[in-house]
Amino acid sequence: MLLYVYNTLHNVTLNGQDEENMSYQEKNITVSLISYVLIIGYYLFNLLHMYLGAGLSSAVVFSLWITVILATIIVNIFASILTNIALTIVQAIKTRTNVNERYIADERDKLIELKGTKLSYIIFSIGVFLSMLTFAFGQPPLVMFSLIIFFTLLAELIGDISQLYFYRRGF
């Protein structure tokens, strides 16, 4: 599935025709997907660096959690706003009008969003269960909570990938 996402993003950035065929919602999902990949990469890099180095320190891990949670919220909000502004500017340049194109979610969009959300909840639930198992098997609570944050980000990432897949597939 990651190969599919790579090919889709590669086609979007290199082939202008595929970029025009992407819907408004697909573009927003792609921006969200990129931001989640960057945030999860940052989180894993720092967490593994701490774990392999001096071990998990409460103060440093709490700081990382706060950074990742705030970055997730702020980056997704600003990325969504900037994407909407950029899409409006591009649309105005292409059509040479000042009319804003409205996006209306139909039943297909709502079904795709529900399927992505369902998959996100399943991944998150499995992740919380696995995180609790690590605590039950004697790992410190920092490991459990770090895994919960990881599975939260992973669930959102997989939900976005599945939504993008359903849009590209045609349902």
N, C-alpha and C. Protein backbone atom coordinates (compact mmCIF):
# COMPACT_ATOMS: atom_id res chain seq x y z
N MET A 1 0.83 -1.18 0.00
CA MET A 1 0.00 0.00 0.00
C MET A 1 0.88 1.25 0.00
N LEU A 2 2.01 1.21 0.68
CA LEU A 2 2.90 2.37 0.67
C LEU A 2 3.47 2.62 -0.72
N LEU A 3 3.68 1.54 -1.48
CA LEU A 3 4.13 1.69 -2.86
C LEU A 3 3.06 2.40 -3.69
N TYR A 4 1.80 2.07 -3.45
CA TYR A 4 0.71 2.74 -4.14
C TYR A 4 0.70 4.24 -3.84
N VAL A 5 0.88 4.59 -2.56
CA VAL A 5 0.91 6.00 -2.18
C VAL A 5 2.08 6.70 -2.85
N TYR A 6 3.23 6.06 -2.86
CA TYR A 6 4.39 6.65 -3.52
C TYR A 6 4.11 6.89 -4.99
N ASN A 7 3.55 5.89 -5.68
CA ASN A 7 3.25 6.04 -7.11
C ASN A 7 2.21 7.13 -7.35
N THR A 8 1.21 7.21 -6.49
CA THR A 8 0.20 8.25 -6.64
C THR A 8 0.79 9.63 -6.47
N LEU A 9 1.59 9.80 -5.40
CA LEU A 9 2.22 11.10 -5.17
C LEU A 9 3.21 11.44 -6.27
N HIS A 10 3.92 10.44 -6.77
CA HIS A 10 4.88 10.65 -7.84
C HIS A 10 4.16 11.12 -9.10
N ASN A 11 3.04 10.48 -9.43
CA ASN A 11 2.27 10.87 -10.60
C ASN A 11 1.66 12.26 -10.44
N VAL A 12 1.25 12.59 -9.23
CA VAL A 12 0.64 13.89 -8.99
C VAL A 12 1.65 15.00 -9.18
N THR A 13 2.85 14.79 -8.70
CA THR A 13 3.83 15.88 -8.77
C THR A 13 4.50 15.97 -10.14
N LEU A 14 4.58 14.86 -10.87
CA LEU A 14 5.30 14.89 -12.13
C LEU A 14 4.41 14.96 -13.36
N ASN A 15 3.18 14.58 -13.24
CA ASN A 15 2.32 14.50 -14.40
C ASN A 15 1.15 15.47 -14.21
N GLY A 16 1.15 16.55 -14.94
CA GLY A 16 0.13 17.57 -14.78
C GLY A 16 -1.27 17.08 -15.05
N GLN A 17 -1.41 16.09 -15.93
CA GLN A 17 -2.73 15.58 -16.25
C GLN A 17 -3.35 14.89 -15.04
N ASP A 18 -2.58 14.08 -14.32
CA ASP A 18 -3.11 13.42 -13.14
C ASP A 18 -3.43 14.42 -12.04
N GLU A 19 -2.66 15.50 -11.97
CA GLU A 19 -2.92 16.51 -10.96
C GLU A 19 -4.28 17.17 -11.21
N GLU A 20 -4.61 17.40 -12.47
CA GLU A 20 -5.89 18.00 -12.78
C GLU A 20 -7.04 17.06 -12.48
N ASN A 21 -6.81 15.76 -12.57
CA ASN A 21 -7.86 14.79 -12.33
C ASN A 21 -8.09 14.52 -10.85
N MET A 22 -7.20 14.99 -10.00
CA MET A 22 -7.41 14.80 -8.57
C MET A 22 -8.52 15.73 -8.09
N SER A 23 -9.41 15.18 -7.28
CA SER A 23 -10.49 16.00 -6.74
C SER A 23 -9.97 16.87 -5.61
N TYR A 24 -10.81 17.79 -5.21
CA TYR A 24 -10.48 18.69 -4.11
C TYR A 24 -10.17 17.88 -2.84
N GLN A 25 -11.00 16.89 -2.57
CA GLN A 25 -10.82 16.08 -1.37
C GLN A 25 -9.53 15.26 -1.44
N GLU A 26 -9.20 14.73 -2.61
CA GLU A 26 -7.96 13.97 -2.77
C GLU A 26 -6.74 14.85 -2.48
N LYS A 27 -6.79 16.08 -2.91
CA LYS A 27 -5.67 16.98 -2.66
C LYS A 27 -5.52 17.27 -1.17
N ASN A 28 -6.63 17.46 -0.47
CA ASN A 28 -6.57 17.67 0.97
C ASN A 28 -6.04 16.44 1.70
N ILE A 29 -6.49 15.27 1.27
CA ILE A 29 -6.02 14.02 1.89
C ILE A 29 -4.53 13.83 1.64
N THR A 30 -4.06 14.17 0.46
CA THR A 30 -2.64 14.04 0.14
C THR A 30 -1.80 14.95 1.03
N VAL A 31 -2.26 16.17 1.24
CA VAL A 31 -1.53 17.09 2.12
C VAL A 31 -1.52 16.56 3.55
N SER A 32 -2.65 16.06 4.01
CA SER A 32 -2.72 15.47 5.35
C SER A 32 -1.81 14.26 5.46
N LEU A 33 -1.78 13.45 4.42
CA LEU A 33 -0.92 12.26 4.40
C LEU A 33 0.55 12.64 4.50
N ILE A 34 0.95 13.64 3.77
CA ILE A 34 2.35 14.09 3.81
C ILE A 34 2.70 14.62 5.19
N SER A 35 1.79 15.38 5.79
CA SER A 35 2.08 15.92 7.13
C SER A 35 2.17 14.80 8.16
N TYR A 36 1.32 13.79 8.07
CA TYR A 36 1.40 12.67 9.01
C TYR A 36 2.69 11.87 8.82
N VAL A 37 3.12 11.69 7.59
CA VAL A 37 4.37 10.97 7.34
C VAL A 37 5.55 11.73 7.97
N LEU A 38 5.57 13.05 7.81
CA LEU A 38 6.64 13.84 8.40
C LEU A 38 6.61 13.80 9.92
N ILE A 39 5.43 13.90 10.50
CA ILE A 39 5.32 13.90 11.96
C ILE A 39 5.67 12.53 12.54
N ILE A 40 5.20 11.47 11.92
CA ILE A 40 5.52 10.13 12.43
C ILE A 40 7.01 9.82 12.26
N GLY A 41 7.60 10.33 11.20
CA GLY A 41 9.04 10.17 11.01
C GLY A 41 9.83 10.89 12.10
N TYR A 42 9.42 12.11 12.40
CA TYR A 42 10.07 12.88 13.47
C TYR A 42 9.92 12.16 14.81
N TYR A 43 8.72 11.68 15.09
CA TYR A 43 8.45 11.01 16.35
C TYR A 43 9.29 9.74 16.50
N LEU A 44 9.29 8.91 15.47
CA LEU A 44 10.05 7.66 15.54
C LEU A 44 11.55 7.91 15.64
N PHE A 45 12.05 8.87 14.88
CA PHE A 45 13.47 9.19 14.93
C PHE A 45 13.89 9.59 16.35
N ASN A 46 13.15 10.51 16.94
CA ASN A 46 13.49 10.98 18.28
C ASN A 46 13.28 9.91 19.34
N LEU A 47 12.20 9.15 19.22
CA LEU A 47 11.93 8.11 20.21
C LEU A 47 12.98 7.00 20.16
N LEU A 48 13.34 6.56 18.96
CA LEU A 48 14.36 5.52 18.84
C LEU A 48 15.73 6.03 19.27
N HIS A 49 16.01 7.29 18.98
CA HIS A 49 17.27 7.88 19.41
C HIS A 49 17.37 7.89 20.94
N MET A 50 16.26 8.24 21.60
CA MET A 50 16.24 8.22 23.07
C MET A 50 16.36 6.80 23.61
N TYR A 51 15.59 5.90 23.01
CA TYR A 51 15.53 4.52 23.50
C TYR A 51 16.88 3.82 23.36
N LEU A 52 17.56 4.02 22.24
CA LEU A 52 18.85 3.38 22.01
C LEU A 52 19.99 4.10 22.74
N GLY A 53 19.79 5.36 23.06
CA GLY A 53 20.83 6.14 23.75
C GLY A 53 20.78 5.89 25.25
N ALA A 54 20.33 6.89 25.95
CA ALA A 54 20.32 6.84 27.42
C ALA A 54 19.06 6.19 27.99
N GLY A 55 18.16 5.78 27.16
CA GLY A 55 16.90 5.22 27.65
C GLY A 55 15.82 6.28 27.67
N LEU A 56 14.64 5.87 28.07
CA LEU A 56 13.51 6.79 28.07
C LEU A 56 13.47 7.57 29.38
N SER A 57 13.61 8.86 29.26
CA SER A 57 13.54 9.77 30.40
C SER A 57 12.17 10.43 30.39
N SER A 58 11.53 10.46 31.52
CA SER A 58 10.16 11.00 31.59
C SER A 58 10.05 12.41 31.05
N ALA A 59 10.93 13.27 31.46
CA ALA A 59 10.85 14.68 31.04
C ALA A 59 11.03 14.82 29.53
N VAL A 60 11.97 14.08 28.97
CA VAL A 60 12.23 14.18 27.52
C VAL A 60 11.10 13.56 26.72
N VAL A 61 10.57 12.43 27.20
CA VAL A 61 9.47 11.78 26.50
C VAL A 61 8.21 12.64 26.56
N PHE A 62 7.92 13.25 27.72
CA PHE A 62 6.76 14.14 27.82
C PHE A 62 6.91 15.32 26.87
N SER A 63 8.10 15.85 26.78
CA SER A 63 8.35 16.96 25.86
C SER A 63 8.12 16.53 24.41
N LEU A 64 8.57 15.33 24.07
CA LEU A 64 8.35 14.81 22.72
C LEU A 64 6.87 14.61 22.44
N TRP A 65 6.14 14.07 23.41
CA TRP A 65 4.70 13.88 23.24
C TRP A 65 3.99 15.20 22.99
N ILE A 66 4.31 16.20 23.79
CA ILE A 66 3.67 17.52 23.63
C ILE A 66 4.01 18.09 22.26
N THR A 67 5.26 17.97 21.85
CA THR A 67 5.68 18.49 20.55
C THR A 67 4.92 17.81 19.42
N VAL A 68 4.82 16.48 19.49
CA VAL A 68 4.15 15.74 18.42
C VAL A 68 2.66 16.03 18.39
N ILE A 69 2.02 16.08 19.53
CA ILE A 69 0.58 16.34 19.57
C ILE A 69 0.28 17.74 19.05
N LEU A 70 1.03 18.74 19.53
CA LEU A 70 0.81 20.11 19.04
C LEU A 70 1.15 20.24 17.56
N ALA A 71 2.22 19.58 17.13
CA ALA A 71 2.60 19.64 15.71
C ALA A 71 1.51 19.00 14.85
N THR A 72 0.95 17.91 15.31
CA THR A 72 -0.12 17.26 14.55
C THR A 72 -1.30 18.20 14.37
N ILE A 73 -1.70 18.83 15.44
CA ILE A 73 -2.85 19.75 15.37
C ILE A 73 -2.53 20.96 14.50
N ILE A 74 -1.42 21.62 14.81
CA ILE A 74 -1.08 22.87 14.13
C ILE A 74 -0.75 22.64 12.65
N VAL A 75 0.07 21.63 12.37
CA VAL A 75 0.47 21.38 10.98
C VAL A 75 -0.74 21.01 10.14
N ASN A 76 -1.63 20.16 10.64
CA ASN A 76 -2.80 19.79 9.84
C ASN A 76 -3.73 20.97 9.61
N ILE A 77 -3.90 21.82 10.60
CA ILE A 77 -4.76 23.00 10.41
C ILE A 77 -4.15 23.95 9.38
N PHE A 78 -2.88 24.28 9.57
CA PHE A 78 -2.24 25.21 8.63
C PHE A 78 -2.08 24.61 7.24
N ALA A 79 -1.79 23.31 7.17
CA ALA A 79 -1.67 22.68 5.86
C ALA A 79 -3.00 22.69 5.13
N SER A 80 -4.08 22.46 5.84
CA SER A 80 -5.40 22.49 5.22
C SER A 80 -5.75 23.90 4.75
N ILE A 81 -5.47 24.89 5.57
CA ILE A 81 -5.76 26.28 5.18
C ILE A 81 -4.92 26.69 3.98
N LEU A 82 -3.62 26.40 4.04
CA LEU A 82 -2.74 26.77 2.92
C LEU A 82 -3.10 26.02 1.64
N THR A 83 -3.52 24.77 1.77
CA THR A 83 -3.95 24.02 0.59
C THR A 83 -5.18 24.66 -0.03
N ASN A 84 -6.14 25.04 0.80
CA ASN A 84 -7.34 25.69 0.27
C ASN A 84 -7.01 27.01 -0.41
N ILE A 85 -6.12 27.79 0.19
CA ILE A 85 -5.71 29.06 -0.43
C ILE A 85 -5.01 28.80 -1.76
N ALA A 86 -4.07 27.86 -1.76
CA ALA A 86 -3.33 27.55 -2.99
C ALA A 86 -4.26 27.03 -4.08
N LEU A 87 -5.20 26.16 -3.72
CA LEU A 87 -6.13 25.63 -4.72
C LEU A 87 -7.03 26.73 -5.28
N THR A 88 -7.43 27.68 -4.44
CA THR A 88 -8.24 28.80 -4.91
C THR A 88 -7.45 29.68 -5.87
N ILE A 89 -6.19 29.94 -5.54
CA ILE A 89 -5.34 30.76 -6.42
C ILE A 89 -5.12 30.06 -7.76
N VAL A 90 -4.82 28.77 -7.71
CA VAL A 90 -4.60 28.02 -8.95
C VAL A 90 -5.87 27.99 -9.79
N GLN A 91 -7.01 27.78 -9.15
CA GLN A 91 -8.28 27.77 -9.87
C GLN A 91 -8.56 29.13 -10.50
N ALA A 92 -8.26 30.20 -9.79
CA ALA A 92 -8.49 31.55 -10.33
C ALA A 92 -7.57 31.83 -11.50
N ILE A 93 -6.34 31.35 -11.43
CA ILE A 93 -5.40 31.55 -12.54
C ILE A 93 -5.84 30.74 -13.76
N LYS A 94 -6.28 29.51 -13.53
CA LYS A 94 -6.70 28.66 -14.66
C LYS A 94 -7.94 29.20 -15.34
N THR A 95 -8.92 29.59 -14.56
CA THR A 95 -10.19 30.02 -15.16
C THR A 95 -10.25 31.52 -15.44
N ARG A 96 -9.28 32.27 -14.90
CA ARG A 96 -9.21 33.72 -15.05
C ARG A 96 -10.50 34.40 -14.57
N THR A 97 -11.08 33.82 -13.54
CA THR A 97 -12.25 34.44 -12.91
C THR A 97 -12.00 34.54 -11.41
N ASN A 98 -12.86 35.28 -10.74
CA ASN A 98 -12.73 35.46 -9.31
C ASN A 98 -13.77 34.64 -8.55
N VAL A 99 -14.43 33.71 -9.23
CA VAL A 99 -15.47 32.90 -8.62
C VAL A 99 -14.83 31.74 -7.85
N ASN A 100 -15.19 31.61 -6.59
CA ASN A 100 -14.67 30.51 -5.78
C ASN A 100 -15.44 29.24 -6.08
N GLU A 101 -14.71 28.16 -6.27
CA GLU A 101 -15.34 26.87 -6.51
C GLU A 101 -15.71 26.26 -5.18
N ARG A 102 -16.95 25.93 -5.01
CA ARG A 102 -17.43 25.35 -3.75
C ARG A 102 -17.29 23.84 -3.80
N TYR A 103 -16.90 23.30 -2.67
CA TYR A 103 -16.81 21.85 -2.56
C TYR A 103 -18.01 21.36 -1.77
N ILE A 104 -18.77 20.48 -2.37
CA ILE A 104 -19.93 19.90 -1.71
C ILE A 104 -19.69 18.40 -1.61
N ALA A 105 -19.76 17.89 -0.39
CA ALA A 105 -19.55 16.46 -0.16
C ALA A 105 -20.84 15.71 -0.50
N ASP A 106 -20.72 14.75 -1.41
CA ASP A 106 -21.88 13.93 -1.75
C ASP A 106 -21.80 12.62 -0.96
N GLU A 107 -22.72 11.69 -1.28
CA GLU A 107 -22.76 10.42 -0.54
C GLU A 107 -21.49 9.61 -0.74
N ARG A 108 -20.92 9.67 -1.92
CA ARG A 108 -19.68 8.95 -2.19
C ARG A 108 -18.55 9.45 -1.30
N ASP A 109 -18.42 10.77 -1.18
CA ASP A 109 -17.40 11.35 -0.32
C ASP A 109 -17.59 10.94 1.14
N LYS A 110 -18.84 10.95 1.57
CA LYS A 110 -19.12 10.58 2.96
C LYS A 110 -18.84 9.10 3.20
N LEU A 111 -19.16 8.24 2.23
CA LEU A 111 -18.86 6.81 2.37
C LEU A 111 -17.36 6.55 2.42
N ILE A 112 -16.62 7.23 1.56
CA ILE A 112 -15.17 7.07 1.55
C ILE A 112 -14.58 7.55 2.88
N GLU A 113 -15.07 8.66 3.39
CA GLU A 113 -14.59 9.16 4.67
C GLU A 113 -14.93 8.18 5.80
N LEU A 114 -16.13 7.62 5.76
CA LEU A 114 -16.53 6.65 6.79
C LEU A 114 -15.67 5.39 6.74
N LYS A 115 -15.36 4.92 5.54
CA LYS A 115 -14.51 3.73 5.41
C LYS A 115 -13.11 4.01 5.95
N GLY A 116 -12.58 5.18 5.65
CA GLY A 116 -11.26 5.55 6.17
C GLY A 116 -11.27 5.69 7.68
N THR A 117 -12.33 6.29 8.22
CA THR A 117 -12.46 6.44 9.66
C THR A 117 -12.60 5.09 10.35
N LYS A 118 -13.37 4.20 9.74
CA LYS A 118 -13.54 2.85 10.30
C LYS A 118 -12.20 2.13 10.38
N LEU A 119 -11.43 2.20 9.31
CA LEU A 119 -10.12 1.55 9.31
C LEU A 119 -9.19 2.20 10.33
N SER A 120 -9.25 3.52 10.47
CA SER A 120 -8.44 4.21 11.48
C SER A 120 -8.80 3.73 12.88
N TYR A 121 -10.08 3.60 13.17
CA TYR A 121 -10.50 3.14 14.50
C TYR A 121 -10.05 1.71 14.76
N ILE A 122 -10.11 0.87 13.75
CA ILE A 122 -9.67 -0.52 13.92
C ILE A 122 -8.18 -0.56 14.24
N ILE A 123 -7.38 0.16 13.47
CA ILE A 123 -5.93 0.20 13.70
C ILE A 123 -5.63 0.78 15.08
N PHE A 124 -6.33 1.85 15.45
CA PHE A 124 -6.10 2.46 16.75
C PHE A 124 -6.47 1.50 17.88
N SER A 125 -7.58 0.80 17.74
CA SER A 125 -8.01 -0.14 18.78
C SER A 125 -7.01 -1.28 18.95
N ILE A 126 -6.53 -1.81 17.85
CA ILE A 126 -5.51 -2.86 17.92
C ILE A 126 -4.24 -2.30 18.55
N GLY A 127 -3.87 -1.09 18.20
CA GLY A 127 -2.69 -0.46 18.77
C GLY A 127 -2.79 -0.24 20.26
N VAL A 128 -3.94 0.21 20.74
CA VAL A 128 -4.13 0.40 22.18
C VAL A 128 -4.05 -0.94 22.89
N PHE A 129 -4.65 -1.97 22.30
CA PHE A 129 -4.57 -3.30 22.90
C PHE A 129 -3.13 -3.78 23.00
N LEU A 130 -2.37 -3.63 21.92
CA LEU A 130 -0.96 -4.04 21.94
C LEU A 130 -0.15 -3.21 22.93
N SER A 131 -0.47 -1.93 23.02
CA SER A 131 0.22 -1.06 23.97
C SER A 131 -0.04 -1.50 25.41
N MET A 132 -1.27 -1.87 25.69
CA MET A 132 -1.60 -2.34 27.03
C MET A 132 -0.93 -3.68 27.32
N LEU A 133 -0.78 -4.50 26.30
CA LEU A 133 -0.07 -5.77 26.50
C LEU A 133 1.39 -5.54 26.89
N THR A 134 2.02 -4.53 26.30
CA THR A 134 3.41 -4.26 26.68
C THR A 134 3.50 -3.89 28.15
N PHE A 135 2.52 -3.15 28.65
CA PHE A 135 2.50 -2.79 30.06
C PHE A 135 2.23 -4.03 30.92
N ALA A 136 1.33 -4.89 30.46
CA ALA A 136 1.02 -6.11 31.21
C ALA A 136 2.21 -7.05 31.27
N PHE A 137 3.07 -7.00 30.27
CA PHE A 137 4.26 -7.86 30.25
C PHE A 137 5.47 -7.21 30.90
N GLY A 138 5.27 -6.12 31.64
CA GLY A 138 6.34 -5.57 32.45
C GLY A 138 7.09 -4.38 31.90
N GLN A 139 6.69 -3.84 30.77
CA GLN A 139 7.35 -2.64 30.25
C GLN A 139 6.88 -1.43 31.04
N PRO A 140 7.70 -0.39 31.12
CA PRO A 140 7.29 0.81 31.86
C PRO A 140 6.12 1.53 31.17
N PRO A 141 5.38 2.32 31.95
CA PRO A 141 4.24 3.04 31.37
C PRO A 141 4.63 3.99 30.23
N LEU A 142 5.87 4.50 30.25
CA LEU A 142 6.30 5.38 29.16
C LEU A 142 6.26 4.66 27.81
N VAL A 143 6.61 3.38 27.81
CA VAL A 143 6.56 2.61 26.57
C VAL A 143 5.12 2.46 26.10
N MET A 144 4.22 2.16 27.04
CA MET A 144 2.81 2.00 26.68
C MET A 144 2.25 3.29 26.07
N PHE A 145 2.47 4.42 26.73
CA PHE A 145 1.92 5.67 26.23
C PHE A 145 2.60 6.12 24.93
N SER A 146 3.88 5.83 24.79
CA SER A 146 4.58 6.14 23.55
C SER A 146 4.00 5.33 22.40
N LEU A 147 3.69 4.07 22.66
CA LEU A 147 3.07 3.23 21.63
C LEU A 147 1.66 3.70 21.29
N ILE A 148 0.93 4.18 22.28
CA ILE A 148 -0.42 4.69 22.00
C ILE A 148 -0.34 5.90 21.07
N ILE A 149 0.59 6.79 21.33
CA ILE A 149 0.74 7.96 20.44
C ILE A 149 1.18 7.51 19.05
N PHE A 150 2.10 6.54 18.98
CA PHE A 150 2.53 6.01 17.68
C PHE A 150 1.35 5.42 16.92
N PHE A 151 0.54 4.59 17.60
CA PHE A 151 -0.59 3.97 16.90
C PHE A 151 -1.67 4.98 16.55
N THR A 152 -1.76 6.07 17.29
CA THR A 152 -2.69 7.14 16.91
C THR A 152 -2.27 7.76 15.57
N LEU A 153 -0.99 8.08 15.47
CA LEU A 153 -0.48 8.64 14.21
C LEU A 153 -0.58 7.63 13.07
N LEU A 154 -0.24 6.38 13.36
CA LEU A 154 -0.31 5.33 12.34
C LEU A 154 -1.74 5.12 11.85
N ALA A 155 -2.69 5.15 12.77
CA ALA A 155 -4.10 4.98 12.39
C ALA A 155 -4.55 6.09 11.46
N GLU A 156 -4.17 7.32 11.76
CA GLU A 156 -4.53 8.43 10.88
C GLU A 156 -3.86 8.30 9.51
N LEU A 157 -2.62 7.87 9.53
CA LEU A 157 -1.88 7.68 8.28
C LEU A 157 -2.55 6.61 7.41
N ILE A 158 -2.90 5.49 8.00
CA ILE A 158 -3.54 4.41 7.25
C ILE A 158 -4.95 4.81 6.81
N GLY A 159 -5.65 5.58 7.65
CA GLY A 159 -6.97 6.07 7.25
C GLY A 159 -6.88 6.98 6.03
N ASP A 160 -5.88 7.86 6.01
CA ASP A 160 -5.69 8.74 4.84
C ASP A 160 -5.30 7.95 3.60
N ILE A 161 -4.43 6.96 3.78
CA ILE A 161 -4.04 6.12 2.64
C ILE A 161 -5.25 5.39 2.08
N SER A 162 -6.09 4.86 2.95
CA SER A 162 -7.27 4.13 2.46
C SER A 162 -8.25 5.07 1.77
N GLN A 163 -8.42 6.28 2.29
CA GLN A 163 -9.31 7.23 1.61
C GLN A 163 -8.78 7.59 0.24
N LEU A 164 -7.49 7.83 0.16
CA LEU A 164 -6.87 8.14 -1.13
C LEU A 164 -7.03 6.96 -2.09
N TYR A 165 -6.85 5.76 -1.58
CA TYR A 165 -7.03 4.56 -2.39
C TYR A 165 -8.46 4.47 -2.92
N PHE A 166 -9.46 4.70 -2.05
CA PHE A 166 -10.84 4.61 -2.49
C PHE A 166 -11.20 5.69 -3.51
N TYR A 167 -10.64 6.89 -3.34
CA TYR A 167 -10.88 7.93 -4.34
C TYR A 167 -10.25 7.57 -5.68
N ARG A 168 -9.03 7.06 -5.65
CA ARG A 168 -8.35 6.73 -6.90
C ARG A 168 -8.96 5.51 -7.57
N ARG A 169 -9.52 4.61 -6.77
CA ARG A 169 -10.16 3.40 -7.31
C ARG A 169 -11.51 3.73 -7.94
N GLY A 170 -12.11 4.79 -7.49
CA GLY A 170 -13.41 5.16 -8.04
C GLY A 170 -14.54 4.96 -7.06
N PHE A 171 -14.26 4.49 -5.88
CA PHE A 171 -15.23 4.41 -4.81
C PHE A 171 -14.49 4.52 -3.54
